[in-house]
């Protein structure tokens, strides 16, 4: 299934980061090559969003390995496997509302989504202090006013906490993810998780949890990823309204 949500953004010059390094690729750490950004990003995402995505890539290039956020091999596929791979989630988000990204880590998909969907508010939920410090640094450097960084486990959030969508990437199998995430959703809200080839099996394994936490449906979508030949899979769980 392919979903597209055309957007038009206004230009905002991005200052404070050497965007050219993100475009050209640099040698870092143990001489690992950083994957080049694809051509045409400004036309696809809009000038402002693309500039910030380039800035995010440069921050990861300069500090990601040093701060224990990404390994050197991951920098070799920073765009195709991480940044661009996060972007299709945006097409499953509502026109307005609040999104909680559980287990934000280095910022996938939360930071990427906050950049390309500035019309939404994003709560980045992460337990590790060094990761929340990183997320706060990214928020400040990129000027992401639609981002809140919350240091907490999802299950420890207040009982009255509620969002329209929860996103997750490489956090846990669905049967573990559901008890952490569905209680955060408002009625009719949805969990949108980036998954791999075992997504259908994860749904089958989570049958009891889906019933217990009042899931209305669970579906898997194969989606294209702009800027790369690699597709991805999105698992969407809708909570009863």
Foldseek 3Di string as FASTA:
>chain_A
DEFDDDDEDDADDADDADLVCQQPWDQDDPRQTAAHFFPPPCVRLNNLLVSLLSRLLRCCRVPVVVLVQDPSVCRNCVVPPFLLQQPRVLRVDDLEWEEEEAQCRSHRPNVSNLSSNVRYAYEYEHADPSRLVNVVVSCVSSVRPRYHYHHDQLVPDDQPAETQEYEYEPDDQPLVVLVSPLSRYDAFHKYKYWDDPCNVVSCVVNVVSCVVSAWPDKDKDWYQGPPDPDITIIIMTTHHD
